[in-house]
Amino acid sequence: FKEDMLMSFYDIGKKPPTFGDAAAVANCILESEVQFDVGELHFNIFKSVVSYITSVIPVYNKDQVAASEKINTYDSLDEEILTSYNEFALANLLFYAMKENACSEQSSRMTAMDNATKNAGEMIEKLTLTFNRTRQAVITRELIEIISGAAALK
């Protein structure tokens, strides 16, 4: 997949995503001047606490947006408005994807931590049972030795 990726970001996602993060990523993409008609944005959509759906949203360049049939429905658009719209639309899609990804990641972490807690609880119960059995065996052996010693003295 390396040849299919334009860029990667390391500081995004360490904290809850903000629109500023999405705008920064959108600006990097737009400033890279890579030519494309339609790109794909892959992300996870939160479905439930235990599952998520991997989804793909198309990302269009400014020319594709300008060529769409219903773009002039509400107002006549000049180049500056189309550029602003395209920048905002890309940042908005990225922000949506970042939020959904963050939600899916947190639910996966919560599920993993819940499972780890259950496993730790089960392990503690088993170790407690083993410890108690071992302690009881030691006590029983000591009692047998005491009784055997007392019987030998008679």
N, C-alpha and C. Protein backbone atom coordinates (compact mmCIF):
# COMPACT_ATOMS: atom_id res chain seq x y z
N PHE A 1 0.80 -1.20 0.00
CA PHE A 1 0.00 0.00 0.00
C PHE A 1 0.85 1.27 0.00
N LYS A 2 2.12 1.11 0.23
CA LYS A 2 2.99 2.27 0.37
C LYS A 2 2.92 3.18 -0.85
N GLU A 3 2.88 2.58 -2.02
CA GLU A 3 2.85 3.40 -3.24
C GLU A 3 1.51 4.09 -3.47
N ASP A 4 0.47 3.65 -2.77
CA ASP A 4 -0.85 4.26 -2.90
C ASP A 4 -1.09 5.39 -1.91
N MET A 5 -0.18 5.58 -0.97
CA MET A 5 -0.37 6.60 0.07
C MET A 5 0.38 7.87 -0.29
N LEU A 6 -0.29 8.97 -0.08
CA LEU A 6 0.27 10.27 -0.39
C LEU A 6 1.16 10.78 0.74
N MET A 7 0.69 10.67 1.97
CA MET A 7 1.44 11.15 3.13
C MET A 7 0.89 10.49 4.38
N SER A 8 1.62 10.63 5.48
CA SER A 8 1.14 10.11 6.76
C SER A 8 1.42 11.16 7.83
N PHE A 9 0.70 11.06 8.95
CA PHE A 9 0.80 12.04 10.02
C PHE A 9 1.03 11.31 11.33
N TYR A 10 1.96 11.80 12.14
CA TYR A 10 2.31 11.12 13.37
C TYR A 10 1.69 11.74 14.61
N ASP A 11 1.43 13.02 14.62
CA ASP A 11 0.91 13.67 15.82
C ASP A 11 -0.61 13.73 15.86
N ILE A 12 -1.26 13.33 14.80
CA ILE A 12 -2.72 13.35 14.75
C ILE A 12 -3.22 12.06 15.40
N GLY A 13 -4.18 12.20 16.30
CA GLY A 13 -4.79 11.02 16.91
C GLY A 13 -4.30 10.72 18.30
N LYS A 14 -3.28 11.42 18.77
CA LYS A 14 -2.83 11.19 20.14
C LYS A 14 -3.82 11.79 21.13
N LYS A 15 -4.46 12.85 20.74
CA LYS A 15 -5.50 13.50 21.55
C LYS A 15 -6.81 13.41 20.76
N PRO A 16 -7.93 13.68 21.40
CA PRO A 16 -9.19 13.68 20.64
C PRO A 16 -9.11 14.65 19.46
N PRO A 17 -9.61 14.23 18.29
CA PRO A 17 -9.47 15.08 17.10
C PRO A 17 -10.26 16.38 17.20
N THR A 18 -9.69 17.41 16.61
CA THR A 18 -10.36 18.70 16.53
C THR A 18 -10.47 19.09 15.07
N PHE A 19 -11.32 20.07 14.80
CA PHE A 19 -11.45 20.52 13.42
C PHE A 19 -10.14 21.13 12.94
N GLY A 20 -9.37 21.71 13.85
CA GLY A 20 -8.06 22.26 13.49
C GLY A 20 -7.12 21.19 12.95
N ASP A 21 -7.16 19.99 13.57
CA ASP A 21 -6.35 18.88 13.07
C ASP A 21 -6.78 18.50 11.66
N ALA A 22 -8.08 18.41 11.47
CA ALA A 22 -8.60 18.05 10.15
C ALA A 22 -8.25 19.11 9.11
N ALA A 23 -8.33 20.37 9.50
CA ALA A 23 -7.99 21.46 8.57
C ALA A 23 -6.51 21.42 8.22
N ALA A 24 -5.66 21.09 9.20
CA ALA A 24 -4.22 20.99 8.93
C ALA A 24 -3.93 19.86 7.95
N VAL A 25 -4.58 18.72 8.12
CA VAL A 25 -4.40 17.60 7.19
C VAL A 25 -4.92 17.97 5.81
N ALA A 26 -6.08 18.62 5.76
CA ALA A 26 -6.66 19.04 4.47
C ALA A 26 -5.72 20.01 3.76
N ASN A 27 -5.14 20.95 4.50
CA ASN A 27 -4.20 21.90 3.88
C ASN A 27 -2.97 21.19 3.34
N CYS A 28 -2.45 20.21 4.07
CA CYS A 28 -1.30 19.45 3.57
C CYS A 28 -1.64 18.73 2.28
N ILE A 29 -2.84 18.16 2.23
CA ILE A 29 -3.26 17.44 1.02
C ILE A 29 -3.40 18.42 -0.15
N LEU A 30 -4.06 19.55 0.10
CA LEU A 30 -4.28 20.51 -0.98
C LEU A 30 -2.98 21.18 -1.43
N GLU A 31 -2.05 21.40 -0.50
CA GLU A 31 -0.78 22.04 -0.85
C GLU A 31 0.19 21.08 -1.52
N SER A 32 -0.07 19.79 -1.44
CA SER A 32 0.83 18.82 -2.07
C SER A 32 0.75 18.88 -3.59
N GLU A 33 -0.32 19.45 -4.11
CA GLU A 33 -0.55 19.63 -5.55
C GLU A 33 -0.53 18.31 -6.32
N VAL A 34 -0.94 17.25 -5.67
CA VAL A 34 -1.08 15.97 -6.35
C VAL A 34 -2.35 16.03 -7.19
N GLN A 35 -2.26 15.61 -8.42
CA GLN A 35 -3.40 15.65 -9.31
C GLN A 35 -4.24 14.38 -9.16
N PHE A 36 -5.52 14.54 -8.91
CA PHE A 36 -6.44 13.41 -8.81
C PHE A 36 -7.83 13.88 -9.20
N ASP A 37 -8.63 12.95 -9.69
CA ASP A 37 -10.03 13.24 -9.96
C ASP A 37 -10.87 12.87 -8.75
N VAL A 38 -10.67 11.64 -8.29
CA VAL A 38 -11.40 11.15 -7.12
C VAL A 38 -10.42 10.38 -6.25
N GLY A 39 -10.40 10.72 -4.97
CA GLY A 39 -9.59 9.98 -4.00
C GLY A 39 -10.51 9.20 -3.07
N GLU A 40 -9.92 8.39 -2.22
CA GLU A 40 -10.71 7.61 -1.28
C GLU A 40 -10.22 7.88 0.13
N LEU A 41 -11.15 8.06 1.03
CA LEU A 41 -10.86 8.25 2.45
C LEU A 41 -11.39 7.01 3.18
N HIS A 42 -10.47 6.20 3.72
CA HIS A 42 -10.84 4.98 4.42
C HIS A 42 -10.83 5.25 5.92
N PHE A 43 -11.88 4.81 6.61
CA PHE A 43 -11.97 5.02 8.06
C PHE A 43 -12.96 4.03 8.65
N ASN A 44 -13.00 3.96 9.97
CA ASN A 44 -13.91 3.06 10.68
C ASN A 44 -15.10 3.85 11.21
N ILE A 45 -16.28 3.27 11.05
CA ILE A 45 -17.49 3.86 11.60
C ILE A 45 -17.91 3.03 12.81
N PHE A 46 -18.15 3.70 13.93
CA PHE A 46 -18.58 3.04 15.15
C PHE A 46 -19.96 2.43 14.92
N LYS A 47 -20.08 1.13 15.21
CA LYS A 47 -21.37 0.45 15.08
C LYS A 47 -21.92 0.10 16.45
N SER A 48 -21.12 -0.57 17.26
CA SER A 48 -21.50 -0.89 18.64
C SER A 48 -20.23 -1.00 19.45
N VAL A 49 -20.38 -1.30 20.73
CA VAL A 49 -19.21 -1.36 21.60
C VAL A 49 -18.23 -2.43 21.14
N VAL A 50 -18.72 -3.46 20.50
CA VAL A 50 -17.84 -4.56 20.11
C VAL A 50 -17.54 -4.61 18.62
N SER A 51 -18.07 -3.69 17.84
CA SER A 51 -17.81 -3.78 16.41
C SER A 51 -17.81 -2.40 15.75
N TYR A 52 -17.17 -2.37 14.61
CA TYR A 52 -17.15 -1.17 13.78
C TYR A 52 -17.16 -1.61 12.32
N ILE A 53 -17.46 -0.67 11.45
CA ILE A 53 -17.54 -0.96 10.01
C ILE A 53 -16.47 -0.12 9.31
N THR A 54 -15.67 -0.76 8.48
CA THR A 54 -14.71 -0.01 7.69
C THR A 54 -15.44 0.58 6.50
N SER A 55 -15.27 1.88 6.29
CA SER A 55 -16.03 2.59 5.27
C SER A 55 -15.08 3.39 4.37
N VAL A 56 -15.57 3.72 3.20
CA VAL A 56 -14.81 4.52 2.24
C VAL A 56 -15.69 5.66 1.76
N ILE A 57 -15.14 6.87 1.78
CA ILE A 57 -15.84 8.04 1.26
C ILE A 57 -15.02 8.60 0.10
N PRO A 58 -15.67 8.90 -1.02
CA PRO A 58 -14.90 9.51 -2.12
C PRO A 58 -14.57 10.97 -1.81
N VAL A 59 -13.40 11.39 -2.24
CA VAL A 59 -12.96 12.77 -2.08
C VAL A 59 -12.73 13.31 -3.49
N TYR A 60 -13.42 14.39 -3.84
CA TYR A 60 -13.34 14.93 -5.20
C TYR A 60 -12.47 16.18 -5.24
N ASN A 61 -11.82 16.37 -6.38
CA ASN A 61 -11.03 17.60 -6.54
C ASN A 61 -11.96 18.75 -6.94
N LYS A 62 -11.39 19.94 -7.03
CA LYS A 62 -12.19 21.15 -7.30
C LYS A 62 -12.87 21.08 -8.67
N ASP A 63 -12.20 20.52 -9.66
CA ASP A 63 -12.79 20.43 -11.01
C ASP A 63 -13.99 19.51 -11.03
N GLN A 64 -13.91 18.39 -10.30
CA GLN A 64 -15.04 17.46 -10.23
C GLN A 64 -16.24 18.11 -9.53
N VAL A 65 -15.94 18.88 -8.47
CA VAL A 65 -17.02 19.57 -7.76
C VAL A 65 -17.67 20.61 -8.66
N ALA A 66 -16.86 21.36 -9.40
CA ALA A 66 -17.39 22.39 -10.30
C ALA A 66 -18.21 21.78 -11.42
N ALA A 67 -17.88 20.56 -11.82
CA ALA A 67 -18.58 19.91 -12.92
C ALA A 67 -19.86 19.19 -12.48
N SER A 68 -20.09 19.10 -11.17
CA SER A 68 -21.29 18.40 -10.73
C SER A 68 -22.54 19.18 -11.17
N GLU A 69 -23.60 18.47 -11.45
CA GLU A 69 -24.76 19.09 -12.08
C GLU A 69 -25.56 20.00 -11.16
N LYS A 70 -25.52 19.77 -9.83
CA LYS A 70 -26.37 20.56 -8.94
C LYS A 70 -25.59 21.61 -8.15
N ILE A 71 -24.34 21.86 -8.49
CA ILE A 71 -23.55 22.82 -7.73
C ILE A 71 -24.05 24.25 -7.90
N ASN A 72 -24.63 24.58 -9.01
CA ASN A 72 -25.13 25.94 -9.26
C ASN A 72 -26.60 26.12 -8.91
N THR A 73 -27.20 25.18 -8.19
CA THR A 73 -28.61 25.25 -7.86
C THR A 73 -28.95 26.47 -7.01
N TYR A 74 -28.12 26.80 -6.04
CA TYR A 74 -28.46 27.84 -5.08
C TYR A 74 -27.87 29.20 -5.41
N ASP A 75 -26.74 29.21 -6.07
CA ASP A 75 -26.08 30.49 -6.32
C ASP A 75 -25.06 30.30 -7.44
N SER A 76 -24.73 31.38 -8.09
CA SER A 76 -23.65 31.29 -9.07
C SER A 76 -22.33 31.31 -8.30
N LEU A 77 -21.40 30.50 -8.74
CA LEU A 77 -20.16 30.32 -7.99
C LEU A 77 -18.98 30.78 -8.82
N ASP A 78 -18.07 31.49 -8.18
CA ASP A 78 -16.83 31.85 -8.86
C ASP A 78 -15.71 30.94 -8.36
N GLU A 79 -14.52 31.13 -8.87
CA GLU A 79 -13.39 30.25 -8.56
C GLU A 79 -13.03 30.27 -7.07
N GLU A 80 -13.09 31.43 -6.45
CA GLU A 80 -12.72 31.56 -5.04
C GLU A 80 -13.70 30.80 -4.14
N ILE A 81 -14.98 30.89 -4.45
CA ILE A 81 -15.99 30.19 -3.65
C ILE A 81 -15.84 28.68 -3.82
N LEU A 82 -15.58 28.22 -5.03
CA LEU A 82 -15.37 26.79 -5.26
C LEU A 82 -14.14 26.29 -4.50
N THR A 83 -13.08 27.08 -4.50
CA THR A 83 -11.87 26.70 -3.77
C THR A 83 -12.15 26.60 -2.27
N SER A 84 -12.85 27.61 -1.74
CA SER A 84 -13.20 27.60 -0.31
C SER A 84 -14.12 26.43 0.02
N TYR A 85 -15.09 26.18 -0.83
CA TYR A 85 -16.01 25.07 -0.61
C TYR A 85 -15.25 23.74 -0.61
N ASN A 86 -14.36 23.58 -1.57
CA ASN A 86 -13.60 22.33 -1.68
C ASN A 86 -12.71 22.13 -0.44
N GLU A 87 -12.06 23.20 0.01
CA GLU A 87 -11.21 23.10 1.20
C GLU A 87 -12.04 22.73 2.43
N PHE A 88 -13.18 23.41 2.59
CA PHE A 88 -14.04 23.13 3.74
C PHE A 88 -14.62 21.72 3.67
N ALA A 89 -15.05 21.31 2.48
CA ALA A 89 -15.63 19.97 2.33
C ALA A 89 -14.60 18.89 2.68
N LEU A 90 -13.36 19.07 2.22
CA LEU A 90 -12.32 18.09 2.53
C LEU A 90 -12.02 18.07 4.03
N ALA A 91 -11.89 19.25 4.64
CA ALA A 91 -11.63 19.31 6.08
C ALA A 91 -12.79 18.70 6.86
N ASN A 92 -14.01 18.95 6.42
CA ASN A 92 -15.19 18.41 7.09
C ASN A 92 -15.23 16.88 7.00
N LEU A 93 -14.95 16.33 5.82
CA LEU A 93 -14.92 14.87 5.67
C LEU A 93 -13.82 14.26 6.54
N LEU A 94 -12.66 14.90 6.56
CA LEU A 94 -11.56 14.40 7.38
C LEU A 94 -11.92 14.45 8.87
N PHE A 95 -12.57 15.53 9.29
CA PHE A 95 -12.97 15.65 10.69
C PHE A 95 -13.98 14.56 11.06
N TYR A 96 -14.95 14.32 10.19
CA TYR A 96 -15.93 13.27 10.41
C TYR A 96 -15.23 11.91 10.54
N ALA A 97 -14.30 11.63 9.62
CA ALA A 97 -13.58 10.36 9.65
C ALA A 97 -12.73 10.24 10.92
N MET A 98 -12.09 11.33 11.31
CA MET A 98 -11.26 11.31 12.53
C MET A 98 -12.12 11.04 13.77
N LYS A 99 -13.27 11.67 13.85
CA LYS A 99 -14.16 11.48 15.00
C LYS A 99 -14.68 10.04 15.05
N GLU A 100 -15.10 9.52 13.92
CA GLU A 100 -15.60 8.14 13.88
C GLU A 100 -14.49 7.15 14.24
N ASN A 101 -13.28 7.38 13.71
CA ASN A 101 -12.14 6.53 14.03
C ASN A 101 -11.84 6.58 15.52
N ALA A 102 -11.84 7.77 16.09
CA ALA A 102 -11.54 7.92 17.52
C ALA A 102 -12.58 7.19 18.36
N CYS A 103 -13.83 7.31 17.98
CA CYS A 103 -14.90 6.62 18.71
C CYS A 103 -14.74 5.11 18.61
N SER A 104 -14.44 4.60 17.43
CA SER A 104 -14.23 3.17 17.24
C SER A 104 -13.03 2.68 18.04
N GLU A 105 -11.96 3.48 18.03
CA GLU A 105 -10.76 3.10 18.76
C GLU A 105 -11.02 3.05 20.27
N GLN A 106 -11.72 4.05 20.79
CA GLN A 106 -12.02 4.07 22.22
C GLN A 106 -12.91 2.90 22.62
N SER A 107 -13.88 2.56 21.77
CA SER A 107 -14.74 1.42 22.11
C SER A 107 -13.94 0.12 22.08
N SER A 108 -13.01 0.00 21.14
CA SER A 108 -12.15 -1.19 21.09
C SER A 108 -11.26 -1.26 22.33
N ARG A 109 -10.73 -0.11 22.74
CA ARG A 109 -9.90 -0.08 23.94
C ARG A 109 -10.71 -0.45 25.18
N MET A 110 -11.94 0.08 25.27
CA MET A 110 -12.79 -0.24 26.42
C MET A 110 -13.10 -1.74 26.47
N THR A 111 -13.39 -2.33 25.32
CA THR A 111 -13.67 -3.76 25.25
C THR A 111 -12.44 -4.55 25.65
N ALA A 112 -11.27 -4.16 25.14
CA ALA A 112 -10.04 -4.86 25.48
C ALA A 112 -9.74 -4.75 26.98
N MET A 113 -9.94 -3.57 27.54
CA MET A 113 -9.68 -3.39 28.98
C MET A 113 -10.69 -4.19 29.82
N ASP A 114 -11.94 -4.26 29.38
CA ASP A 114 -12.94 -5.05 30.08
C ASP A 114 -12.55 -6.52 30.06
N ASN A 115 -12.13 -7.02 28.90
CA ASN A 115 -11.69 -8.41 28.79
C ASN A 115 -10.46 -8.67 29.65
N ALA A 116 -9.51 -7.72 29.67
CA ALA A 116 -8.32 -7.88 30.50
C ALA A 116 -8.68 -7.91 31.97
N THR A 117 -9.64 -7.07 32.37
CA THR A 117 -10.08 -7.05 33.76
C THR A 117 -10.73 -8.37 34.15
N LYS A 118 -11.58 -8.90 33.26
CA LYS A 118 -12.21 -10.19 33.53
C LYS A 118 -11.16 -11.29 33.64
N ASN A 119 -10.19 -11.29 32.70
CA ASN A 119 -9.14 -12.31 32.73
C ASN A 119 -8.29 -12.20 34.00
N ALA A 120 -7.99 -10.97 34.42
CA ALA A 120 -7.21 -10.77 35.65
C ALA A 120 -8.00 -11.26 36.85
N GLY A 121 -9.30 -10.99 36.88
CA GLY A 121 -10.15 -11.47 37.97
C GLY A 121 -10.18 -12.99 38.05
N GLU A 122 -10.31 -13.63 36.90
CA GLU A 122 -10.30 -15.10 36.86
C GLU A 122 -8.95 -15.64 37.32
N MET A 123 -7.87 -14.99 36.90
CA MET A 123 -6.54 -15.43 37.28
C MET A 123 -6.35 -15.28 38.80
N ILE A 124 -6.83 -14.17 39.36
CA ILE A 124 -6.73 -13.96 40.82
C ILE A 124 -7.50 -15.04 41.56
N GLU A 125 -8.70 -15.37 41.07
CA GLU A 125 -9.49 -16.43 41.71
C GLU A 125 -8.75 -17.76 41.68
N LYS A 126 -8.16 -18.11 40.53
CA LYS A 126 -7.42 -19.38 40.42
C LYS A 126 -6.21 -19.39 41.32
N LEU A 127 -5.46 -18.27 41.35
CA LEU A 127 -4.27 -18.21 42.21
C LEU A 127 -4.65 -18.24 43.69
N THR A 128 -5.75 -17.60 44.05
CA THR A 128 -6.22 -17.63 45.44
C THR A 128 -6.58 -19.06 45.83
N LEU A 129 -7.29 -19.76 44.94
CA LEU A 129 -7.67 -21.14 45.20
C LEU A 129 -6.42 -22.02 45.34
N THR A 130 -5.45 -21.85 44.45
CA THR A 130 -4.20 -22.62 44.53
C THR A 130 -3.46 -22.31 45.82
N PHE A 131 -3.38 -21.03 46.18
CA PHE A 131 -2.70 -20.64 47.42
C PHE A 131 -3.39 -21.26 48.63
N ASN A 132 -4.72 -21.18 48.67
CA ASN A 132 -5.46 -21.73 49.81
C ASN A 132 -5.29 -23.25 49.90
N ARG A 133 -5.29 -23.94 48.78
CA ARG A 133 -5.08 -25.40 48.79
C ARG A 133 -3.68 -25.74 49.28
N THR A 134 -2.70 -24.99 48.81
CA THR A 134 -1.32 -25.23 49.24
C THR A 134 -1.17 -24.96 50.73
N ARG A 135 -1.73 -23.87 51.21
CA ARG A 135 -1.68 -23.53 52.64
C ARG A 135 -2.36 -24.61 53.47
N GLN A 136 -3.51 -25.08 53.00
CA GLN A 136 -4.23 -26.13 53.71
C GLN A 136 -3.42 -27.43 53.72
N ALA A 137 -2.74 -27.74 52.63
CA ALA A 137 -1.90 -28.94 52.58
C ALA A 137 -0.75 -28.85 53.56
N VAL A 138 -0.14 -27.68 53.68
CA VAL A 138 0.96 -27.48 54.63
C VAL A 138 0.45 -27.65 56.06
N ILE A 139 -0.70 -27.06 56.36
CA ILE A 139 -1.28 -27.17 57.70
C ILE A 139 -1.60 -28.63 58.01
N THR A 140 -2.19 -29.32 57.04
CA THR A 140 -2.55 -30.73 57.24
C THR A 140 -1.29 -31.57 57.48
N ARG A 141 -0.22 -31.32 56.71
CA ARG A 141 1.02 -32.07 56.88
C ARG A 141 1.62 -31.82 58.27
N GLU A 142 1.59 -30.57 58.71
CA GLU A 142 2.13 -30.25 60.03
C GLU A 142 1.31 -30.92 61.13
N LEU A 143 -0.03 -30.94 60.97
CA LEU A 143 -0.87 -31.62 61.95
C LEU A 143 -0.58 -33.12 61.99
N ILE A 144 -0.38 -33.70 60.83
CA ILE A 144 -0.07 -35.14 60.76
C ILE A 144 1.26 -35.40 61.46
N GLU A 145 2.24 -34.53 61.25
CA GLU A 145 3.54 -34.71 61.91
C GLU A 145 3.41 -34.59 63.43
N ILE A 146 2.62 -33.63 63.90
CA ILE A 146 2.42 -33.44 65.34
C ILE A 146 1.72 -34.66 65.93
N ILE A 147 0.66 -35.13 65.26
CA ILE A 147 -0.08 -36.29 65.76
C ILE A 147 0.80 -37.53 65.73
N SER A 148 1.59 -37.70 64.67
CA SER A 148 2.50 -38.85 64.56
C SER A 148 3.55 -38.80 65.66
N GLY A 149 4.07 -37.62 65.95
CA GLY A 149 5.08 -37.47 67.02
C GLY A 149 4.47 -37.77 68.37
N ALA A 150 3.23 -37.30 68.62
CA ALA A 150 2.57 -37.55 69.89
C ALA A 150 2.25 -39.05 70.03
N ALA A 151 1.87 -39.70 68.93
CA ALA A 151 1.56 -41.13 68.99
C ALA A 151 2.84 -41.92 69.23
N ALA A 152 3.97 -41.46 68.74
CA ALA A 152 5.23 -42.18 68.93
C ALA A 152 5.71 -42.08 70.38
N LEU A 153 5.34 -40.99 71.06
CA LEU A 153 5.75 -40.82 72.45
C LEU A 153 4.96 -41.72 73.39
N LYS A 154 3.80 -42.22 73.04
CA LYS A 154 2.97 -43.06 73.88
C LYS A 154 3.51 -44.40 73.97
